[in-house]
């Protein structure tokens, strides 16, 4: 959209509306301010080389705040004047960026190519970039990366070349593991980064395309009732030995609800609806959602001390964040249970497995877990809350029975509380 002359006051008044938008200057044709969905603003200039049928070129001049509006306007005039003489600034930038290193491309991608990604996904991307991509490919130029380089990179990650035990904070550590699953997921990220490079004109092709990846078996661990019993016994023993109560409660809730780790660790007090039996999350991997929970999860939550002065159900002992120590306790529990490679996320899959063993339908289980796949969730739309919540209660009871080494669990029906809207 076009406005009057672009000024600092006009720029400050611009508000993000969830989409890419450009405000064009009313005096200098081709000069504008681009607003990203994230709220980031930058000065741009748009021009054509030749007649009106020539392709439009766009150049980012600089970020608002790092360059003032009048300097950006002067640079836009210079680029537009050059275009009249046949100078293509966009092509010049593309050529220079083709000489950019892969490390530099990754930094550019994180700064300008991830506006629609959630913070949790972005944190995972940063970890894979810093711990796998940059160490092995960071020094190569964008324009010289080949398919052979990509295939070698995938093999090296799979074989553990980047595996490490990294100290992250005063008392923190990051266990960087290799393996075929890690290699496949990191190649997927690298492919996205190189697609970004193609769109930006840094290279004509994406060398990740056509590379045969390892089968990613992520998410295929399902614990039997006997195995869940071992985990439950190990957790109970850890609790008796003084393990952190928040970590113990979080692990139990993950097992009893099938929720994702971040949904429980970051759970807020105002998201609890224990009367109706729901966790009403303001945000999650799939956006705002409600998780139906059974009596075992409600029992865990009602037994927790709700500390004042924090919005979190599981606050950190210091600072304003939520508790972050569950992995430390989980590593000890899984080793004691005899499953040294078991992930917390595997409890989610085991919850689904317990539901299937009970005879619950895939659609009901999918609705409880909040799967994001459109084709799957479309099958859940007609389901009412009552059968979904009843299944959540029954599955949680089955998992609880396994945790406590009971041969069978008596399913306690929840009293109807009316609408949960």
Protein backbone atom coordinates (compact mmCIF):
# COMPACT_ATOMS: atom_id res chain seq x y z
CA UNK A 1 0.00 0.00 0.00
CA UNK A 2 1.16 3.53 -0.69
CA UNK A 3 1.29 6.29 1.92
CA UNK A 4 2.67 9.79 1.97
CA UNK A 5 6.35 10.39 2.55
CA UNK A 6 7.82 7.65 4.76
CA UNK A 7 8.95 9.15 8.06
CA UNK A 8 10.07 7.78 11.41
CA UNK A 9 6.65 8.56 12.88
CA UNK A 10 4.90 6.61 10.13
CA UNK A 11 7.27 3.66 10.58
CA UNK A 12 6.76 3.61 14.37
CA UNK A 13 2.99 3.50 13.83
CA UNK A 14 3.11 0.41 11.60
CA UNK A 15 1.70 -2.70 13.28
CA UNK A 16 2.19 -6.36 12.32
CA UNK A 17 -1.00 -8.10 11.18
CA UNK A 18 0.29 -11.66 10.73
CA UNK A 19 1.44 -11.33 7.13
CA UNK A 20 4.15 -9.78 5.00
CA UNK A 21 3.23 -6.21 4.10
CA UNK A 22 5.02 -3.35 2.32
CA UNK A 23 4.26 0.35 2.79
CA UNK A 24 5.47 2.27 -0.25
CA UNK A 25 6.71 5.84 -0.19
CA UNK A 26 4.37 8.36 -1.78
CA UNK A 27 7.21 10.48 -3.19
CA UNK A 28 10.04 8.12 -4.22
CA UNK A 29 8.60 5.34 -6.37
CA UNK A 30 10.09 1.97 -5.48
CA UNK A 31 11.14 2.90 -1.92
CA UNK A 32 9.30 1.21 0.92
CA UNK A 33 9.23 -0.37 4.36
CA UNK A 34 8.55 -4.11 4.65
CA UNK A 35 6.85 -5.44 7.77
CA UNK A 36 7.34 -9.14 8.58
CA UNK A 37 4.71 -11.15 10.50
CA UNK A 38 7.13 -11.11 13.45
CA UNK A 39 7.07 -7.30 13.53
CA UNK A 40 10.57 -6.88 12.06
CA UNK A 41 10.81 -3.86 9.72
CA UNK A 42 13.29 -3.19 6.95
CA UNK A 43 13.81 -0.65 4.17
CA UNK A 44 13.55 -2.02 0.64
CA UNK A 45 13.77 -0.73 -2.92
CA UNK A 46 12.04 -2.25 -5.94
CA UNK A 47 12.90 -1.69 -9.60
CA UNK A 48 12.82 -3.17 -13.12
CA UNK A 49 15.63 -3.42 -15.64
CA UNK A 50 14.02 -2.54 -18.96
CA UNK A 51 10.33 -2.14 -19.76
CA UNK A 52 7.24 -2.89 -17.71
CA UNK A 53 7.36 -6.57 -18.70
CA UNK A 54 10.80 -7.05 -17.16
CA UNK A 55 10.90 -8.94 -13.85
CA UNK A 56 10.67 -6.93 -10.66
CA UNK A 57 13.81 -6.85 -8.52
CA UNK A 58 13.84 -6.14 -4.80
CA UNK A 59 16.79 -5.20 -2.61
CA UNK A 60 16.79 -4.97 1.17
CA UNK A 61 18.61 -1.80 2.13
CA UNK A 62 18.77 -2.39 5.87
CA UNK A 63 16.81 -3.01 9.06
CA UNK A 64 14.81 -0.20 10.60
CA UNK A 65 16.74 0.91 13.66
CA UNK A 66 20.12 0.07 12.16
CA UNK A 67 19.78 2.70 9.43
CA UNK A 68 17.68 5.86 9.62
CA UNK A 69 14.99 6.66 7.09
CA UNK A 70 16.82 9.46 5.25
CA UNK A 71 19.98 7.40 4.74
CA UNK A 72 17.80 4.56 3.48
CA UNK A 73 16.03 6.96 1.10
CA UNK A 74 19.39 8.21 -0.24
CA UNK A 75 20.55 4.61 -0.82
CA UNK A 76 17.27 3.83 -2.60
CA UNK A 77 17.80 6.82 -4.91
CA UNK A 78 21.30 5.57 -5.73
CA UNK A 79 20.07 2.03 -6.53
CA UNK A 80 17.19 3.35 -8.66
CA UNK A 81 19.53 5.66 -10.56
CA UNK A 82 21.87 2.75 -11.21
CA UNK A 83 18.98 0.65 -12.49
CA UNK A 84 18.27 3.34 -15.09
CA UNK A 85 21.85 2.80 -16.32
CA UNK A 86 21.43 -0.99 -16.40
CA UNK A 87 23.07 -1.75 -13.05
CA UNK A 88 21.39 -4.67 -11.26
CA UNK A 89 22.07 -4.34 -7.52
CA UNK A 90 19.99 -7.45 -6.74
CA UNK A 91 22.11 -9.60 -9.07
CA UNK A 92 25.30 -8.13 -7.63
CA UNK A 93 24.15 -9.02 -4.11
CA UNK A 94 23.17 -12.54 -5.20
CA UNK A 95 26.64 -13.08 -6.68
CA UNK A 96 28.35 -11.82 -3.54
CA UNK A 97 26.10 -13.94 -1.34
CA UNK A 98 26.98 -17.00 -3.40
CA UNK A 99 30.45 -16.44 -1.98
CA UNK A 100 28.95 -16.37 1.50
CA UNK A 101 29.97 -19.28 3.70
CA UNK A 102 27.45 -21.91 4.78
CA UNK A 103 27.93 -20.59 8.32
CA UNK A 104 26.99 -17.11 7.13
CA UNK A 105 24.01 -18.48 5.20
CA UNK A 106 22.77 -20.22 8.36
CA UNK A 107 22.98 -16.94 10.28
CA UNK A 108 21.08 -15.14 7.49
CA UNK A 109 18.45 -17.90 7.44
CA UNK A 110 17.90 -17.61 11.21
CA UNK A 111 17.62 -13.83 10.92
CA UNK A 112 15.38 -13.59 7.84
CA UNK A 113 13.98 -17.02 6.93
CA UNK A 114 12.22 -18.21 10.07
CA UNK A 115 9.45 -15.68 10.73
CA UNK A 116 6.71 -18.32 10.78
CA UNK A 117 8.52 -20.83 13.01
CA UNK A 118 7.67 -21.26 16.67
CA UNK A 119 10.32 -20.48 19.29
CA UNK A 120 10.68 -24.16 20.24
CA UNK A 121 11.28 -25.18 16.61
CA UNK A 122 13.71 -22.32 16.14
CA UNK A 123 15.67 -23.42 19.21
CA UNK A 124 15.96 -26.93 17.76
CA UNK A 125 17.11 -25.49 14.42
CA UNK A 126 19.77 -23.39 16.14
CA UNK A 127 21.04 -26.44 17.99
CA UNK A 128 21.37 -28.49 14.78
CA UNK A 129 23.05 -25.60 12.99
CA UNK A 130 25.59 -24.91 15.74
CA UNK A 131 26.32 -28.56 16.60
CA UNK A 132 26.19 -30.28 13.23
CA UNK A 133 25.99 -28.00 10.17
CA UNK A 134 28.52 -25.33 11.08
CA UNK A 135 31.23 -27.70 12.39
CA UNK A 136 31.13 -29.86 9.25
CA UNK A 137 30.06 -27.48 6.46
CA UNK A 138 30.40 -23.97 7.89
CA UNK A 139 33.58 -23.08 6.01
CA UNK A 140 32.30 -24.02 2.55
CA UNK A 141 30.94 -21.37 0.17
CA UNK A 142 27.24 -21.45 -0.67
CA UNK A 143 27.97 -21.58 -4.38
CA UNK A 144 30.41 -24.49 -4.16
CA UNK A 145 28.43 -26.94 -2.01
CA UNK A 146 27.75 -30.16 -3.95
CA UNK A 147 25.54 -33.19 -3.56
CA UNK A 148 28.65 -35.23 -2.70
CA UNK A 149 29.35 -32.78 0.16
CA UNK A 150 25.78 -33.24 1.42
CA UNK A 151 25.98 -37.05 1.26
CA UNK A 152 29.33 -37.01 3.11
CA UNK A 153 27.85 -34.67 5.72
CA UNK A 154 24.91 -37.02 6.28
CA UNK A 155 27.22 -40.01 6.75
CA UNK A 156 29.48 -38.10 9.15
CA UNK A 157 26.54 -37.06 11.38
CA UNK A 158 25.16 -40.60 11.29
CA UNK A 159 28.55 -42.00 12.33
CA UNK A 160 28.80 -39.66 15.31
CA UNK A 161 31.46 -37.26 14.04
CA UNK A 162 29.69 -34.33 15.73
CA UNK A 163 28.72 -36.17 18.92
CA UNK A 164 29.75 -34.23 22.03
CA UNK A 165 28.99 -33.51 25.68
CA UNK A 166 28.80 -29.71 25.86
CA UNK A 167 28.65 -27.60 29.02
CA UNK A 168 26.00 -24.96 28.29
CA UNK A 169 25.65 -23.09 31.60
CA UNK A 170 27.21 -23.17 35.04
CA UNK A 171 25.40 -26.42 35.83
CA UNK A 172 24.00 -27.24 32.39
CA UNK A 173 25.05 -29.60 29.65
CA UNK A 174 23.91 -30.60 26.18
CA UNK A 175 24.36 -34.17 25.01
CA UNK A 176 24.88 -33.99 21.23
CA UNK A 177 24.19 -37.37 19.68
CA UNK A 178 24.75 -38.60 16.17
CA UNK A 179 22.91 -41.46 14.52
CA UNK A 180 20.85 -41.96 11.41
CA UNK A 181 17.76 -40.25 12.80
CA UNK A 182 19.71 -37.11 13.72
CA UNK A 183 21.40 -37.15 10.30
CA UNK A 184 18.08 -37.38 8.46
CA UNK A 185 16.44 -34.59 10.46
CA UNK A 186 19.50 -32.32 10.10
CA UNK A 187 19.56 -32.95 6.34
CA UNK A 188 15.92 -31.84 6.28
CA UNK A 189 16.89 -28.56 7.94
CA UNK A 190 19.86 -28.11 5.59
CA UNK A 191 17.51 -28.60 2.65
CA UNK A 192 15.28 -25.81 3.96
CA UNK A 193 18.26 -23.49 4.41
CA UNK A 194 19.44 -24.14 0.86
CA UNK A 195 15.92 -23.61 -0.51
CA UNK A 196 16.10 -20.21 1.19
CA UNK A 197 19.41 -19.64 -0.64
CA UNK A 198 17.79 -20.54 -3.99
CA UNK A 199 14.88 -18.15 -3.36
CA UNK A 200 17.37 -15.40 -2.52
CA UNK A 201 19.22 -16.03 -5.77
CA UNK A 202 22.43 -17.26 -4.13
CA UNK A 203 22.49 -20.45 -6.19
CA UNK A 204 20.36 -22.04 -8.91
CA UNK A 205 19.83 -25.47 -7.36
CA UNK A 206 19.43 -27.25 -4.04
CA UNK A 207 22.04 -30.04 -3.67
CA UNK A 208 19.99 -31.73 -0.93
CA UNK A 209 17.33 -32.69 -3.47
CA UNK A 210 17.62 -36.29 -4.54
CA UNK A 211 19.84 -37.32 -1.63
CA UNK A 212 18.54 -40.61 -0.27
CA UNK A 213 18.11 -40.26 3.47
CA UNK A 214 18.15 -42.81 6.23
CA UNK A 215 14.78 -44.01 7.46
CA UNK A 216 13.88 -41.84 10.43
CA UNK A 217 12.53 -44.15 13.12
CA UNK A 218 11.84 -41.27 15.47
CA UNK A 219 8.65 -41.78 17.41
CA UNK A 220 8.41 -45.56 16.96
CA UNK A 221 9.12 -46.60 20.59
CA UNK A 222 6.08 -48.03 22.36
CA UNK A 223 6.46 -49.40 25.88
CA UNK A 224 4.47 -52.46 26.88
CA UNK A 225 2.61 -52.59 30.19
CA UNK A 226 5.51 -54.57 31.68
CA UNK A 227 8.03 -51.99 30.46
CA UNK A 228 5.91 -49.12 31.77
CA UNK A 229 5.92 -50.93 35.10
CA UNK A 230 9.71 -50.84 35.16
CA UNK A 231 9.73 -47.13 34.41
CA UNK A 232 7.10 -46.49 37.08
CA UNK A 233 9.07 -48.49 39.65
CA UNK A 234 12.28 -46.64 38.80
CA UNK A 235 10.48 -43.32 39.12
CA UNK A 236 8.97 -44.26 42.49
CA UNK A 237 12.42 -45.30 43.74
CA UNK A 238 13.92 -42.01 42.52
CA UNK A 239 11.17 -40.18 44.40
CA UNK A 240 11.95 -42.13 47.61
CA UNK A 241 15.61 -41.20 47.22
CA UNK A 242 14.80 -37.49 47.07
CA UNK A 243 14.57 -36.74 43.35
CA UNK A 244 13.25 -33.28 42.52
CA UNK A 245 9.44 -33.36 43.11
CA UNK A 246 8.74 -31.17 40.07
CA UNK A 247 10.66 -33.53 37.79
CA UNK A 248 8.85 -36.56 39.21
CA UNK A 249 5.45 -34.90 38.77
CA UNK A 250 6.28 -33.81 35.21
CA UNK A 251 7.30 -37.35 34.22
CA UNK A 252 4.09 -38.78 35.68
CA UNK A 253 1.99 -36.18 33.87
CA UNK A 254 3.72 -36.93 30.56
CA UNK A 255 2.90 -40.60 31.03
CA UNK A 256 -0.70 -40.01 32.18
CA UNK A 257 -1.67 -37.40 29.55
CA UNK A 258 0.34 -38.11 26.39
CA UNK A 259 1.21 -34.40 26.30
CA UNK A 260 4.42 -33.04 24.83
CA UNK A 261 7.26 -32.20 27.19
CA UNK A 262 7.08 -28.44 26.55
CA UNK A 263 3.33 -28.43 27.23
CA UNK A 264 3.82 -29.82 30.74
CA UNK A 265 7.11 -28.13 31.66
CA UNK A 266 5.71 -24.73 30.67
CA UNK A 267 2.23 -25.35 32.09
CA UNK A 268 0.65 -22.24 33.63
CA UNK A 269 -1.79 -22.05 36.51
CA UNK A 270 -4.42 -20.27 34.42
CA UNK A 271 -4.34 -23.18 31.94
CA UNK A 272 -5.64 -25.64 34.54
CA UNK A 273 -9.33 -26.56 34.32
CA UNK A 274 -9.39 -29.43 36.80
CA UNK A 275 -13.14 -29.19 37.40
CA UNK A 276 -13.84 -30.18 33.80
CA UNK A 277 -10.65 -32.20 33.41
CA UNK A 278 -8.70 -30.16 30.85
CA UNK A 279 -5.41 -28.41 30.32
CA UNK A 280 -6.38 -25.39 28.22
CA UNK A 281 -3.08 -24.35 26.65
CA UNK A 282 -2.70 -20.80 25.39
CA UNK A 283 -0.11 -22.02 22.90
CA UNK A 284 1.55 -25.27 21.85
CA UNK A 285 3.34 -26.80 18.86
CA UNK A 286 -0.02 -26.86 17.08
CA UNK A 287 -1.35 -23.59 18.52
CA UNK A 288 -4.00 -23.03 21.18
CA UNK A 289 -5.58 -26.30 22.30
CA UNK A 290 -7.31 -28.16 25.12
CA UNK A 291 -5.91 -31.45 26.42
CA UNK A 292 -8.45 -33.74 28.13
CA UNK A 293 -6.93 -35.39 31.21
CA UNK A 294 -7.94 -38.33 33.35
CA UNK A 295 -8.20 -38.81 37.11
CA UNK A 296 -4.55 -39.88 37.57
CA UNK A 297 -3.28 -36.63 36.05
CA UNK A 298 -5.79 -34.60 38.09
CA UNK A 299 -4.56 -36.38 41.21
CA UNK A 300 -0.95 -35.39 40.43
CA UNK A 301 -1.90 -31.78 39.78
CA UNK A 302 -4.10 -31.36 42.86
CA UNK A 303 -1.24 -32.64 45.00
CA UNK A 304 1.16 -29.94 43.83
CA UNK A 305 1.98 -26.81 45.85
CA UNK A 306 0.92 -23.80 43.77
CA UNK A 307 3.54 -21.22 44.70
CA UNK A 308 2.64 -17.55 44.76
CA UNK A 309 4.49 -15.01 42.66
CA UNK A 310 4.87 -17.19 39.56
CA UNK A 311 2.50 -18.03 36.68
CA UNK A 312 3.99 -21.53 36.30
CA UNK A 313 2.78 -24.79 37.78
CA UNK A 314 6.43 -25.90 37.84
CA UNK A 315 8.51 -22.76 38.48
CA UNK A 316 12.30 -22.71 38.53
CA UNK A 317 13.87 -22.42 41.96
CA UNK A 318 15.47 -19.14 40.88
CA UNK A 319 14.54 -16.63 38.20
CA UNK A 320 11.26 -16.13 36.36
CA UNK A 321 11.34 -19.22 34.13
CA UNK A 322 9.70 -22.63 34.45
CA UNK A 323 11.54 -25.65 35.86
CA UNK A 324 14.16 -27.04 33.44
CA UNK A 325 15.69 -29.97 35.33
CA UNK A 326 13.44 -32.84 34.25
CA UNK A 327 15.96 -34.34 31.81
CA UNK A 328 18.56 -34.78 34.57
CA UNK A 329 16.14 -36.85 36.65
CA UNK A 330 14.82 -38.68 33.57
CA UNK A 331 18.31 -39.86 32.58
CA UNK A 332 18.69 -41.58 35.97
CA UNK A 333 15.17 -43.05 35.86
CA UNK A 334 15.50 -44.53 32.37
CA UNK A 335 18.88 -46.09 33.18
CA UNK A 336 17.50 -47.59 36.40
CA UNK A 337 14.52 -48.94 34.44
CA UNK A 338 16.84 -50.60 31.93
CA UNK A 339 16.08 -48.28 28.97
CA UNK A 340 19.13 -45.97 28.67
CA UNK A 341 18.02 -44.50 25.33
CA UNK A 342 14.35 -43.96 26.15
CA UNK A 343 13.17 -40.41 25.49
CA UNK A 344 10.53 -38.53 27.44
CA UNK A 345 8.64 -38.19 24.15
CA UNK A 346 8.36 -41.98 24.02
CA UNK A 347 5.92 -41.74 26.94
CA UNK A 348 3.57 -39.91 24.55
CA UNK A 349 3.72 -42.78 22.06
CA UNK A 350 3.29 -45.31 24.84
CA UNK A 351 0.15 -43.46 25.96
CA UNK A 352 -1.25 -43.87 22.45
CA UNK A 353 -0.24 -47.52 22.47
CA UNK A 354 -2.06 -48.07 25.77
CA UNK A 355 -5.17 -46.54 24.24
CA UNK A 356 -5.02 -48.85 21.23
CA UNK A 357 -4.58 -51.83 23.55
CA UNK A 358 -7.78 -50.77 25.34
CA UNK A 359 -9.65 -50.74 22.05
CA UNK A 360 -9.96 -46.96 21.66
CA UNK A 361 -10.16 -45.75 18.07
CA UNK A 362 -7.31 -43.96 16.32
CA UNK A 363 -9.52 -40.92 15.84
CA UNK A 364 -10.25 -40.61 19.56
CA UNK A 365 -6.59 -41.08 20.48
CA UNK A 366 -5.60 -38.53 17.83
CA UNK A 367 -8.07 -36.03 19.27
CA UNK A 368 -6.65 -36.50 22.77
CA UNK A 369 -3.08 -36.03 21.56
CA UNK A 370 -3.98 -33.02 19.41
CA UNK A 371 -2.34 -34.22 16.21
CA UNK A 372 -1.84 -31.37 13.74
CA UNK A 373 -2.11 -33.31 10.47
CA UNK A 374 -5.09 -31.94 8.55
CA UNK A 375 -6.12 -35.29 7.12
CA UNK A 376 -6.05 -36.86 10.57
CA UNK A 377 -7.72 -34.08 12.51
CA UNK A 378 -10.53 -33.82 9.94
CA UNK A 379 -11.65 -37.25 11.13
CA UNK A 380 -11.87 -35.97 14.71
CA UNK A 381 -14.12 -33.01 14.03
CA UNK A 382 -17.41 -34.86 14.60
CA UNK A 383 -16.34 -36.30 17.98
CA UNK A 384 -17.89 -34.94 21.16
CA UNK A 385 -15.85 -34.15 24.26
CA UNK A 386 -17.42 -36.90 26.39
CA UNK A 387 -16.00 -39.97 24.57
CA UNK A 388 -12.66 -38.19 24.12
CA UNK A 389 -12.40 -37.35 27.81
CA UNK A 390 -13.62 -40.80 28.85
CA UNK A 391 -10.89 -42.35 26.72
CA UNK A 392 -8.30 -39.99 28.24
CA UNK A 393 -9.37 -41.11 31.70
CA UNK A 394 -9.26 -44.80 30.78
CA UNK A 395 -5.87 -44.59 29.07
CA UNK A 396 -4.38 -42.70 32.01
CA UNK A 397 -5.72 -45.39 34.36
CA UNK A 398 -4.10 -48.09 32.22
CA UNK A 399 -0.76 -46.31 32.29
CA UNK A 400 -1.09 -45.71 36.04
CA UNK A 401 -1.76 -49.41 36.59
CA UNK A 402 1.35 -50.30 34.65
CA UNK A 403 3.39 -47.73 36.58
CA UNK A 404 2.26 -49.27 39.85
CA UNK A 405 2.75 -52.85 38.59
CA UNK A 406 -0.93 -53.69 38.93
CA UNK A 407 -2.19 -56.50 36.69
CA UNK A 408 -5.27 -54.49 35.78
CA UNK A 409 -6.72 -51.10 36.57
CA UNK A 410 -10.24 -50.35 37.61
CA UNK A 411 -11.39 -47.48 35.38
CA UNK A 412 -13.17 -44.86 37.48
CA UNK A 413 -15.76 -43.03 35.38
CA UNK A 414 -15.72 -39.26 35.61
CA UNK A 415 -18.91 -37.53 36.61
CA UNK A 416 -20.42 -35.42 33.88
CA UNK A 417 -19.81 -31.73 34.45
CA UNK A 418 -21.74 -30.41 31.50
CA UNK A 419 -20.38 -28.42 28.61
CA UNK A 420 -16.64 -27.75 28.45
CA UNK A 421 -16.82 -24.87 26.03
